[in-house]
């Protein structure tokens, strides 16, 4: 939870900085080139960081969902999926739970 707040803060800060740089570049002609480049660089970094944060979130969510759907092999104690008929590690036949 803490890491997601940090990512959101960084994404918001990047958006704010790129917006301020773009406004300065728009209103001040003598600083236009410098602040335009700064705004573009910050905006591109912002987009890349937001994509990275989203990918990180999706990977963590997938890992969590996979972990929730796992059970343990009674023979070797390795994790196996709920719908596996045999353990992929020791090839032991697993009991299938009958949930209806």
C-alpha atoms as a PDB file:
ATOM      1  CA  UNK A   1       0.000   0.000   0.000  1.00  0.00           C
ATOM      2  CA  UNK A   2       2.821   2.388   0.884  1.00  0.00           C
ATOM      3  CA  UNK A   3       4.620   1.883  -2.440  1.00  0.00           C
ATOM      4  CA  UNK A   4       1.474   2.608  -4.449  1.00  0.00           C
ATOM      5  CA  UNK A   5       1.098   5.948  -2.633  1.00  0.00           C
ATOM      6  CA  UNK A   6       4.695   6.830  -3.509  1.00  0.00           C
ATOM      7  CA  UNK A   7       4.058   6.000  -7.174  1.00  0.00           C
ATOM      8  CA  UNK A   8       0.913   8.116  -7.205  1.00  0.00           C
ATOM      9  CA  UNK A   9       2.791  11.007  -5.594  1.00  0.00           C
ATOM     10  CA  UNK A  10       5.603  10.796  -8.150  1.00  0.00           C
ATOM     11  CA  UNK A  11       3.146  10.603 -11.042  1.00  0.00           C
ATOM     12  CA  UNK A  12       1.226  13.617  -9.718  1.00  0.00           C
ATOM     13  CA  UNK A  13       4.438  15.567  -9.148  1.00  0.00           C
ATOM     14  CA  UNK A  14       5.620  14.821 -12.689  1.00  0.00           C
ATOM     15  CA  UNK A  15       2.331  15.990 -14.133  1.00  0.00           C
ATOM     16  CA  UNK A  16       2.458  19.166 -12.034  1.00  0.00           C
ATOM     17  CA  UNK A  17       6.049  19.979 -13.020  1.00  0.00           C
ATOM     18  CA  UNK A  18       5.426  19.386 -16.710  1.00  0.00           C
ATOM     19  CA  UNK A  19       2.293  21.556 -16.569  1.00  0.00           C
ATOM     20  CA  UNK A  20       4.130  24.417 -14.834  1.00  0.00           C
ATOM     21  CA  UNK A  21       7.010  24.217 -17.321  1.00  0.00           C
ATOM     22  CA  UNK A  22       4.571  24.241 -20.227  1.00  0.00           C
ATOM     23  CA  UNK A  23       2.776  27.304 -18.819  1.00  0.00           C
ATOM     24  CA  UNK A  24       6.071  29.167 -18.337  1.00  0.00           C
ATOM     25  CA  UNK A  25       7.125  28.252 -21.863  1.00  0.00           C
ATOM     26  CA  UNK A  26       3.801  29.520 -23.196  1.00  0.00           C
ATOM     27  CA  UNK A  27       3.840  32.908 -21.432  1.00  0.00           C
ATOM     28  CA  UNK A  28       7.547  33.863 -21.483  1.00  0.00           C
ATOM     29  CA  UNK A  29       9.023  34.018 -24.969  1.00  0.00           C
ATOM     30  CA  UNK A  30      12.655  34.464 -23.896  1.00  0.00           C
ATOM     31  CA  UNK A  31      12.495  31.253 -21.800  1.00  0.00           C
ATOM     32  CA  UNK A  32      10.323  29.365 -24.253  1.00  0.00           C
ATOM     33  CA  UNK A  33      12.959  26.970 -25.638  1.00  0.00           C
ATOM     34  CA  UNK A  34      14.415  25.955 -22.283  1.00  0.00           C
ATOM     35  CA  UNK A  35      11.130  25.390 -20.510  1.00  0.00           C
ATOM     36  CA  UNK A  36       9.571  23.705 -23.524  1.00  0.00           C
ATOM     37  CA  UNK A  37      12.351  21.121 -23.526  1.00  0.00           C
ATOM     38  CA  UNK A  38      12.018  20.707 -19.752  1.00  0.00           C
ATOM     39  CA  UNK A  39       8.250  20.253 -20.062  1.00  0.00           C
ATOM     40  CA  UNK A  40       8.603  17.646 -22.794  1.00  0.00           C
ATOM     41  CA  UNK A  41      11.294  15.710 -20.912  1.00  0.00           C
ATOM     42  CA  UNK A  42       9.317  15.722 -17.668  1.00  0.00           C
ATOM     43  CA  UNK A  43       6.134  14.701 -19.478  1.00  0.00           C
ATOM     44  CA  UNK A  44       7.855  11.791 -21.249  1.00  0.00           C
ATOM     45  CA  UNK A  45       9.430  10.649 -17.975  1.00  0.00           C
ATOM     46  CA  UNK A  46       6.023  10.966 -16.350  1.00  0.00           C
ATOM     47  CA  UNK A  47       4.435   8.731 -18.986  1.00  0.00           C
ATOM     48  CA  UNK A  48       7.180   6.127 -18.672  1.00  0.00           C
ATOM     49  CA  UNK A  49       6.983   6.122 -14.877  1.00  0.00           C
ATOM     50  CA  UNK A  50       3.211   5.797 -14.894  1.00  0.00           C
ATOM     51  CA  UNK A  51       3.457   2.816 -17.257  1.00  0.00           C
ATOM     52  CA  UNK A  52       6.091   1.267 -15.021  1.00  0.00           C
ATOM     53  CA  UNK A  53       3.917   1.811 -11.954  1.00  0.00           C
ATOM     54  CA  UNK A  54       0.930   0.231 -13.702  1.00  0.00           C
ATOM     55  CA  UNK A  55       2.992  -2.768 -14.829  1.00  0.00           C
ATOM     56  CA  UNK A  56       4.360  -3.188 -11.293  1.00  0.00           C
ATOM     57  CA  UNK A  57       0.827  -3.084  -9.895  1.00  0.00           C
ATOM     58  CA  UNK A  58      -0.416  -5.672 -12.389  1.00  0.00           C
ATOM     59  CA  UNK A  59       2.483  -8.027 -11.672  1.00  0.00           C
ATOM     60  CA  UNK A  60       1.885  -7.817  -7.922  1.00  0.00           C
ATOM     61  CA  UNK A  61      -1.835  -8.351  -8.421  1.00  0.00           C
ATOM     62  CA  UNK A  62      -1.237 -11.396 -10.633  1.00  0.00           C
ATOM     63  CA  UNK A  63       1.199 -12.862  -8.111  1.00  0.00           C
ATOM     64  CA  UNK A  64      -1.370 -12.370  -5.367  1.00  0.00           C
ATOM     65  CA  UNK A  65      -4.153 -13.943  -7.415  1.00  0.00           C
ATOM     66  CA  UNK A  66      -1.972 -16.924  -8.285  1.00  0.00           C
ATOM     67  CA  UNK A  67      -0.933 -17.371  -4.663  1.00  0.00           C
ATOM     68  CA  UNK A  68      -4.566 -17.348  -3.551  1.00  0.00           C
ATOM     69  CA  UNK A  69      -5.436 -20.140  -5.995  1.00  0.00           C
ATOM     70  CA  UNK A  70      -2.584 -22.436  -4.909  1.00  0.00           C
ATOM     71  CA  UNK A  71      -2.540 -25.436  -2.612  1.00  0.00           C
ATOM     72  CA  UNK A  72       0.315 -27.664  -1.423  1.00  0.00           C
ATOM     73  CA  UNK A  73       1.249 -31.120  -2.662  1.00  0.00           C
ATOM     74  CA  UNK A  74       0.871 -33.617   0.208  1.00  0.00           C
ATOM     75  CA  UNK A  75       3.992 -35.514  -0.918  1.00  0.00           C
ATOM     76  CA  UNK A  76       6.631 -32.846  -1.693  1.00  0.00           C
ATOM     77  CA  UNK A  77       4.922 -29.722  -0.199  1.00  0.00           C
ATOM     78  CA  UNK A  78       5.472 -27.652  -3.371  1.00  0.00           C
ATOM     79  CA  UNK A  79       2.751 -25.228  -4.477  1.00  0.00           C
ATOM     80  CA  UNK A  80       0.296 -26.533  -7.085  1.00  0.00           C
ATOM     81  CA  UNK A  81      -2.802 -24.983  -8.675  1.00  0.00           C
ATOM     82  CA  UNK A  82      -6.256 -25.921  -7.408  1.00  0.00           C
ATOM     83  CA  UNK A  83      -7.233 -27.591 -10.690  1.00  0.00           C
ATOM     84  CA  UNK A  84      -4.043 -29.662 -11.132  1.00  0.00           C
ATOM     85  CA  UNK A  85      -4.643 -33.420 -11.215  1.00  0.00           C
ATOM     86  CA  UNK A  86      -1.001 -34.287 -10.557  1.00  0.00           C
ATOM     87  CA  UNK A  87       1.887 -32.459  -8.912  1.00  0.00           C
ATOM     88  CA  UNK A  88       4.197 -31.011 -11.596  1.00  0.00           C
ATOM     89  CA  UNK A  89       7.220 -31.665  -9.361  1.00  0.00           C
ATOM     90  CA  UNK A  90       6.815 -35.209  -8.016  1.00  0.00           C
ATOM     91  CA  UNK A  91       3.937 -36.428 -10.251  1.00  0.00           C
ATOM     92  CA  UNK A  92       1.802 -37.451  -7.266  1.00  0.00           C
ATOM     93  CA  UNK A  93      -1.929 -37.706  -7.986  1.00  0.00           C
ATOM     94  CA  UNK A  94      -3.816 -34.956  -6.169  1.00  0.00           C
ATOM     95  CA  UNK A  95      -7.321 -35.060  -4.759  1.00  0.00           C
ATOM     96  CA  UNK A  96      -9.801 -32.838  -6.561  1.00  0.00           C
ATOM     97  CA  UNK A  97     -12.050 -30.780  -4.309  1.00  0.00           C
ATOM     98  CA  UNK A  98     -15.738 -31.047  -5.185  1.00  0.00           C
ATOM     99  CA  UNK A  99     -17.160 -27.534  -4.703  1.00  0.00           C
ATOM    100  CA  UNK A 100     -20.635 -26.847  -6.039  1.00  0.00           C
END
